[in-house]
Amino acid sequence: MELFEEIRPGLTREHSLTVEEEHAVSPAGILVLSTPMMIRHMELNSAKIIRPLLPVDFASVGYEVNIRHKAPAFLGARITVWSRLVEVDGRKLLFEVKVTEGEKLIGEGTHRRTIVPMQ
């Protein structure tokens, strides 16, 4: 039996949140979702896809992001963070990630994680 056999391409997860001041920057006096916060939520959402499938003594860590921030999400906007596992190579995982506000694409790209022992 493979240790991580339940971790397969096609797993997805969505998470919605409202852009608050803690997520925002003010480049021109207008509060908008910051790129680092957008990436943070993409990473967390991806990690949560596989967390329940990992043995107790393992975790996943991010090691690469390739993200394009394409449009602003203003303070108070309701955004959805979406992740899909697209590739599994042993312990290395590739996710497709995006953030939307309704039909508007806020950001998209890829995120890589690896599974590591907690010791």
N, C-alpha and C. Protein backbone atom coordinates (compact mmCIF):
# COMPACT_ATOMS: atom_id res chain seq x y z
N MET A 1 0.84 -1.20 0.00
CA MET A 1 0.00 0.00 0.00
C MET A 1 0.88 1.25 0.00
N GLU A 2 0.68 2.09 -0.96
CA GLU A 2 1.42 3.36 -1.09
C GLU A 2 1.03 4.30 0.05
N LEU A 3 2.00 4.96 0.66
CA LEU A 3 1.75 5.83 1.81
C LEU A 3 0.84 7.01 1.46
N PHE A 4 0.96 7.55 0.27
CA PHE A 4 0.18 8.74 -0.12
C PHE A 4 -0.77 8.45 -1.28
N GLU A 5 -1.27 7.22 -1.38
CA GLU A 5 -2.06 6.80 -2.54
C GLU A 5 -3.36 7.58 -2.73
N GLU A 6 -3.91 8.16 -1.67
CA GLU A 6 -5.16 8.92 -1.80
C GLU A 6 -4.93 10.32 -2.39
N ILE A 7 -3.69 10.74 -2.46
CA ILE A 7 -3.37 12.06 -3.00
C ILE A 7 -3.17 11.91 -4.50
N ARG A 8 -4.22 12.28 -5.25
CA ARG A 8 -4.23 12.07 -6.70
C ARG A 8 -4.65 13.35 -7.42
N PRO A 9 -4.20 13.53 -8.66
CA PRO A 9 -4.66 14.67 -9.44
C PRO A 9 -6.19 14.71 -9.52
N GLY A 10 -6.70 15.94 -9.55
CA GLY A 10 -8.14 16.14 -9.64
C GLY A 10 -8.77 16.62 -8.35
N LEU A 11 -8.06 16.50 -7.23
CA LEU A 11 -8.60 17.00 -5.96
C LEU A 11 -8.71 18.51 -6.03
N THR A 12 -9.84 19.06 -5.57
CA THR A 12 -10.06 20.50 -5.61
C THR A 12 -10.58 21.01 -4.28
N ARG A 13 -10.47 22.31 -4.09
CA ARG A 13 -11.00 22.97 -2.91
C ARG A 13 -11.23 24.43 -3.23
N GLU A 14 -12.35 24.97 -2.73
CA GLU A 14 -12.65 26.40 -2.83
C GLU A 14 -12.82 26.96 -1.43
N HIS A 15 -12.45 28.22 -1.30
CA HIS A 15 -12.63 28.93 -0.03
C HIS A 15 -12.98 30.38 -0.36
N SER A 16 -14.02 30.90 0.28
CA SER A 16 -14.41 32.28 0.04
C SER A 16 -14.12 33.13 1.26
N LEU A 17 -13.79 34.39 1.02
CA LEU A 17 -13.56 35.34 2.10
C LEU A 17 -13.82 36.74 1.60
N THR A 18 -13.98 37.64 2.54
CA THR A 18 -14.18 39.05 2.23
C THR A 18 -12.86 39.79 2.44
N VAL A 19 -12.48 40.61 1.48
CA VAL A 19 -11.24 41.39 1.59
C VAL A 19 -11.42 42.42 2.70
N GLU A 20 -10.59 42.30 3.74
CA GLU A 20 -10.61 43.21 4.87
C GLU A 20 -9.29 43.98 4.91
N GLU A 21 -9.19 44.96 5.80
CA GLU A 21 -7.98 45.79 5.88
C GLU A 21 -6.72 44.96 6.07
N GLU A 22 -6.82 43.86 6.82
CA GLU A 22 -5.64 43.02 7.07
C GLU A 22 -5.12 42.34 5.80
N HIS A 23 -5.94 42.27 4.76
CA HIS A 23 -5.56 41.66 3.48
C HIS A 23 -5.10 42.69 2.45
N ALA A 24 -5.20 43.97 2.78
CA ALA A 24 -5.11 45.02 1.77
C ALA A 24 -3.87 45.91 1.89
N VAL A 25 -3.58 46.55 0.77
CA VAL A 25 -2.59 47.62 0.69
C VAL A 25 -3.29 48.82 0.06
N SER A 26 -2.66 49.97 0.16
CA SER A 26 -3.27 51.19 -0.37
C SER A 26 -2.30 51.90 -1.30
N PRO A 27 -2.14 51.40 -2.54
CA PRO A 27 -1.16 51.98 -3.44
C PRO A 27 -1.47 53.41 -3.89
N ALA A 28 -2.74 53.75 -3.99
CA ALA A 28 -3.11 55.10 -4.45
C ALA A 28 -4.21 55.67 -3.57
N GLY A 29 -4.16 55.30 -2.29
CA GLY A 29 -5.17 55.77 -1.37
C GLY A 29 -6.45 54.94 -1.39
N ILE A 30 -6.45 53.86 -2.17
CA ILE A 30 -7.60 52.96 -2.26
C ILE A 30 -7.15 51.58 -1.80
N LEU A 31 -7.86 51.00 -0.83
CA LEU A 31 -7.47 49.70 -0.31
C LEU A 31 -7.85 48.58 -1.28
N VAL A 32 -6.86 47.75 -1.63
CA VAL A 32 -7.06 46.59 -2.51
C VAL A 32 -6.31 45.39 -1.94
N LEU A 33 -6.76 44.19 -2.34
CA LEU A 33 -6.11 42.96 -1.93
C LEU A 33 -4.63 42.99 -2.34
N SER A 34 -3.75 42.71 -1.38
CA SER A 34 -2.32 42.70 -1.70
C SER A 34 -1.93 41.38 -2.35
N THR A 35 -0.91 41.43 -3.17
CA THR A 35 -0.41 40.22 -3.83
C THR A 35 0.08 39.19 -2.81
N PRO A 36 0.87 39.57 -1.80
CA PRO A 36 1.29 38.56 -0.82
C PRO A 36 0.12 37.88 -0.11
N MET A 37 -0.94 38.63 0.20
CA MET A 37 -2.10 38.01 0.86
C MET A 37 -2.85 37.10 -0.10
N MET A 38 -2.94 37.47 -1.35
CA MET A 38 -3.58 36.61 -2.33
C MET A 38 -2.82 35.28 -2.42
N ILE A 39 -1.49 35.37 -2.51
CA ILE A 39 -0.66 34.16 -2.60
C ILE A 39 -0.79 33.34 -1.32
N ARG A 40 -0.83 33.99 -0.17
CA ARG A 40 -0.98 33.28 1.10
C ARG A 40 -2.23 32.41 1.09
N HIS A 41 -3.34 32.97 0.63
CA HIS A 41 -4.59 32.21 0.61
C HIS A 41 -4.56 31.10 -0.44
N MET A 42 -3.86 31.30 -1.54
CA MET A 42 -3.70 30.25 -2.54
C MET A 42 -2.92 29.07 -1.94
N GLU A 43 -1.84 29.38 -1.21
CA GLU A 43 -1.03 28.34 -0.58
C GLU A 43 -1.81 27.59 0.49
N LEU A 44 -2.49 28.32 1.37
CA LEU A 44 -3.26 27.69 2.44
C LEU A 44 -4.37 26.81 1.88
N ASN A 45 -5.05 27.28 0.87
CA ASN A 45 -6.13 26.51 0.27
C ASN A 45 -5.59 25.21 -0.33
N SER A 46 -4.45 25.29 -1.00
CA SER A 46 -3.82 24.10 -1.59
C SER A 46 -3.42 23.11 -0.50
N ALA A 47 -2.82 23.61 0.56
CA ALA A 47 -2.39 22.73 1.67
C ALA A 47 -3.57 22.01 2.29
N LYS A 48 -4.70 22.70 2.39
CA LYS A 48 -5.88 22.11 3.04
C LYS A 48 -6.50 21.00 2.20
N ILE A 49 -6.24 20.96 0.90
CA ILE A 49 -6.74 19.86 0.07
C ILE A 49 -6.17 18.53 0.56
N ILE A 50 -4.88 18.51 0.82
CA ILE A 50 -4.22 17.24 1.13
C ILE A 50 -4.03 16.97 2.62
N ARG A 51 -4.15 17.99 3.45
CA ARG A 51 -3.90 17.81 4.89
C ARG A 51 -4.63 16.59 5.47
N PRO A 52 -5.94 16.40 5.20
CA PRO A 52 -6.62 15.25 5.80
C PRO A 52 -6.16 13.89 5.25
N LEU A 53 -5.45 13.88 4.14
CA LEU A 53 -5.00 12.64 3.52
C LEU A 53 -3.59 12.24 3.94
N LEU A 54 -2.91 13.11 4.68
CA LEU A 54 -1.53 12.84 5.11
C LEU A 54 -1.51 12.04 6.41
N PRO A 55 -0.54 11.12 6.53
CA PRO A 55 -0.35 10.47 7.83
C PRO A 55 -0.03 11.52 8.89
N VAL A 56 -0.31 11.21 10.14
CA VAL A 56 -0.15 12.15 11.25
C VAL A 56 1.25 12.76 11.32
N ASP A 57 2.27 12.00 10.97
CA ASP A 57 3.65 12.46 11.12
C ASP A 57 4.22 13.11 9.86
N PHE A 58 3.34 13.54 8.95
CA PHE A 58 3.76 14.23 7.73
C PHE A 58 3.02 15.55 7.57
N ALA A 59 3.64 16.47 6.84
CA ALA A 59 3.03 17.77 6.52
C ALA A 59 3.43 18.12 5.09
N SER A 60 2.82 19.16 4.55
CA SER A 60 3.26 19.64 3.24
C SER A 60 3.78 21.05 3.41
N VAL A 61 4.78 21.39 2.61
CA VAL A 61 5.35 22.74 2.62
C VAL A 61 5.43 23.25 1.19
N GLY A 62 5.16 24.54 1.03
CA GLY A 62 5.26 25.16 -0.27
C GLY A 62 6.71 25.47 -0.60
N TYR A 63 7.08 25.32 -1.87
CA TYR A 63 8.44 25.68 -2.27
C TYR A 63 8.51 26.47 -3.57
N GLU A 64 7.37 26.71 -4.22
CA GLU A 64 7.40 27.51 -5.44
C GLU A 64 6.03 28.09 -5.72
N VAL A 65 6.00 29.35 -6.13
CA VAL A 65 4.78 29.98 -6.62
C VAL A 65 5.09 30.70 -7.92
N ASN A 66 4.16 30.60 -8.85
CA ASN A 66 4.26 31.31 -10.13
C ASN A 66 2.87 31.93 -10.35
N ILE A 67 2.72 33.17 -9.90
CA ILE A 67 1.40 33.79 -9.81
C ILE A 67 1.38 35.11 -10.59
N ARG A 68 0.25 35.37 -11.23
CA ARG A 68 0.02 36.65 -11.88
C ARG A 68 -1.19 37.30 -11.20
N HIS A 69 -0.98 38.51 -10.69
CA HIS A 69 -2.07 39.29 -10.07
C HIS A 69 -2.63 40.15 -11.20
N LYS A 70 -3.84 39.83 -11.66
CA LYS A 70 -4.36 40.39 -12.90
C LYS A 70 -5.34 41.55 -12.74
N ALA A 71 -6.01 41.64 -11.57
CA ALA A 71 -7.03 42.68 -11.39
C ALA A 71 -7.17 42.99 -9.90
N PRO A 72 -7.62 44.19 -9.55
CA PRO A 72 -7.79 44.52 -8.14
C PRO A 72 -9.05 43.89 -7.54
N ALA A 73 -8.97 43.61 -6.26
CA ALA A 73 -10.14 43.24 -5.46
C ALA A 73 -10.18 44.27 -4.34
N PHE A 74 -11.19 45.10 -4.35
CA PHE A 74 -11.28 46.22 -3.42
C PHE A 74 -11.75 45.78 -2.03
N LEU A 75 -11.49 46.62 -1.05
CA LEU A 75 -11.94 46.39 0.31
C LEU A 75 -13.42 46.05 0.29
N GLY A 76 -13.81 44.97 0.97
CA GLY A 76 -15.20 44.55 1.03
C GLY A 76 -15.59 43.56 -0.05
N ALA A 77 -14.72 43.32 -1.02
CA ALA A 77 -15.03 42.37 -2.09
C ALA A 77 -15.10 40.95 -1.53
N ARG A 78 -16.01 40.17 -2.06
CA ARG A 78 -16.12 38.75 -1.71
C ARG A 78 -15.37 37.98 -2.78
N ILE A 79 -14.27 37.33 -2.39
CA ILE A 79 -13.43 36.60 -3.33
C ILE A 79 -13.48 35.09 -3.04
N THR A 80 -13.20 34.32 -4.09
CA THR A 80 -13.13 32.87 -3.95
C THR A 80 -11.73 32.43 -4.36
N VAL A 81 -11.11 31.64 -3.49
CA VAL A 81 -9.78 31.06 -3.74
C VAL A 81 -10.02 29.61 -4.16
N TRP A 82 -9.45 29.23 -5.29
CA TRP A 82 -9.68 27.91 -5.85
C TRP A 82 -8.34 27.24 -6.11
N SER A 83 -8.23 25.96 -5.73
CA SER A 83 -7.02 25.17 -5.99
C SER A 83 -7.41 23.81 -6.55
N ARG A 84 -6.58 23.32 -7.47
CA ARG A 84 -6.78 21.97 -8.03
C ARG A 84 -5.42 21.30 -8.15
N LEU A 85 -5.31 20.10 -7.60
CA LEU A 85 -4.10 19.31 -7.71
C LEU A 85 -4.03 18.75 -9.12
N VAL A 86 -2.98 19.11 -9.86
CA VAL A 86 -2.89 18.69 -11.26
C VAL A 86 -1.80 17.65 -11.53
N GLU A 87 -0.84 17.54 -10.61
CA GLU A 87 0.25 16.59 -10.84
C GLU A 87 0.80 16.10 -9.51
N VAL A 88 1.06 14.78 -9.44
CA VAL A 88 1.70 14.18 -8.27
C VAL A 88 2.91 13.42 -8.78
N ASP A 89 4.08 13.77 -8.27
CA ASP A 89 5.33 13.10 -8.63
C ASP A 89 6.00 12.68 -7.32
N GLY A 90 5.65 11.49 -6.83
CA GLY A 90 6.13 11.06 -5.52
C GLY A 90 5.57 11.97 -4.45
N ARG A 91 6.45 12.68 -3.78
CA ARG A 91 6.03 13.62 -2.72
C ARG A 91 5.85 15.04 -3.23
N LYS A 92 6.17 15.29 -4.48
CA LYS A 92 6.06 16.64 -5.05
C LYS A 92 4.70 16.82 -5.72
N LEU A 93 4.06 17.95 -5.43
CA LEU A 93 2.70 18.22 -5.87
C LEU A 93 2.63 19.54 -6.62
N LEU A 94 1.87 19.56 -7.71
CA LEU A 94 1.67 20.78 -8.48
C LEU A 94 0.18 21.13 -8.46
N PHE A 95 -0.12 22.36 -8.07
CA PHE A 95 -1.49 22.85 -8.00
C PHE A 95 -1.70 23.98 -8.99
N GLU A 96 -2.87 24.00 -9.61
CA GLU A 96 -3.34 25.16 -10.37
C GLU A 96 -4.16 25.97 -9.37
N VAL A 97 -3.92 27.28 -9.31
CA VAL A 97 -4.61 28.12 -8.34
C VAL A 97 -5.18 29.37 -9.02
N LYS A 98 -6.28 29.86 -8.46
CA LYS A 98 -6.82 31.13 -8.95
C LYS A 98 -7.68 31.76 -7.87
N VAL A 99 -7.85 33.08 -8.02
CA VAL A 99 -8.74 33.86 -7.16
C VAL A 99 -9.68 34.62 -8.08
N THR A 100 -10.96 34.57 -7.75
CA THR A 100 -11.96 35.28 -8.54
C THR A 100 -12.85 36.12 -7.63
N GLU A 101 -13.45 37.12 -8.23
CA GLU A 101 -14.51 37.89 -7.59
C GLU A 101 -15.70 37.79 -8.55
N GLY A 102 -16.61 36.89 -8.27
CA GLY A 102 -17.66 36.60 -9.24
C GLY A 102 -17.03 36.03 -10.49
N GLU A 103 -17.29 36.65 -11.64
CA GLU A 103 -16.71 36.21 -12.91
C GLU A 103 -15.34 36.84 -13.18
N LYS A 104 -14.96 37.84 -12.38
CA LYS A 104 -13.69 38.55 -12.61
C LYS A 104 -12.51 37.76 -12.05
N LEU A 105 -11.50 37.52 -12.90
CA LEU A 105 -10.29 36.84 -12.49
C LEU A 105 -9.35 37.83 -11.81
N ILE A 106 -9.04 37.59 -10.55
CA ILE A 106 -8.16 38.46 -9.78
C ILE A 106 -6.71 38.01 -9.91
N GLY A 107 -6.47 36.71 -9.83
CA GLY A 107 -5.12 36.18 -9.94
C GLY A 107 -5.15 34.71 -10.31
N GLU A 108 -4.05 34.24 -10.90
CA GLU A 108 -3.97 32.83 -11.28
C GLU A 108 -2.51 32.41 -11.39
N GLY A 109 -2.32 31.09 -11.41
CA GLY A 109 -0.97 30.57 -11.58
C GLY A 109 -0.84 29.16 -11.07
N THR A 110 0.40 28.83 -10.66
CA THR A 110 0.68 27.49 -10.14
C THR A 110 1.40 27.60 -8.81
N HIS A 111 1.28 26.54 -8.04
CA HIS A 111 1.92 26.46 -6.73
C HIS A 111 2.42 25.04 -6.53
N ARG A 112 3.64 24.91 -6.07
CA ARG A 112 4.23 23.58 -5.81
C ARG A 112 4.44 23.39 -4.32
N ARG A 113 4.10 22.17 -3.87
CA ARG A 113 4.29 21.78 -2.48
C ARG A 113 5.01 20.43 -2.48
N THR A 114 5.62 20.11 -1.35
CA THR A 114 6.21 18.78 -1.18
C THR A 114 5.78 18.24 0.18
N ILE A 115 5.70 16.93 0.26
CA ILE A 115 5.32 16.27 1.51
C ILE A 115 6.59 15.92 2.25
N VAL A 116 6.64 16.29 3.52
CA VAL A 116 7.84 16.08 4.33
C VAL A 116 7.47 15.43 5.66
N PRO A 117 8.38 14.63 6.24
CA PRO A 117 8.14 14.10 7.58
C PRO A 117 8.28 15.21 8.61
N MET A 118 7.51 15.15 9.66
CA MET A 118 7.53 16.19 10.70
C MET A 118 8.77 16.12 11.59
N GLN A 119 9.54 15.07 11.55
CA GLN A 119 10.71 14.91 12.41
C GLN A 119 11.87 15.75 11.96
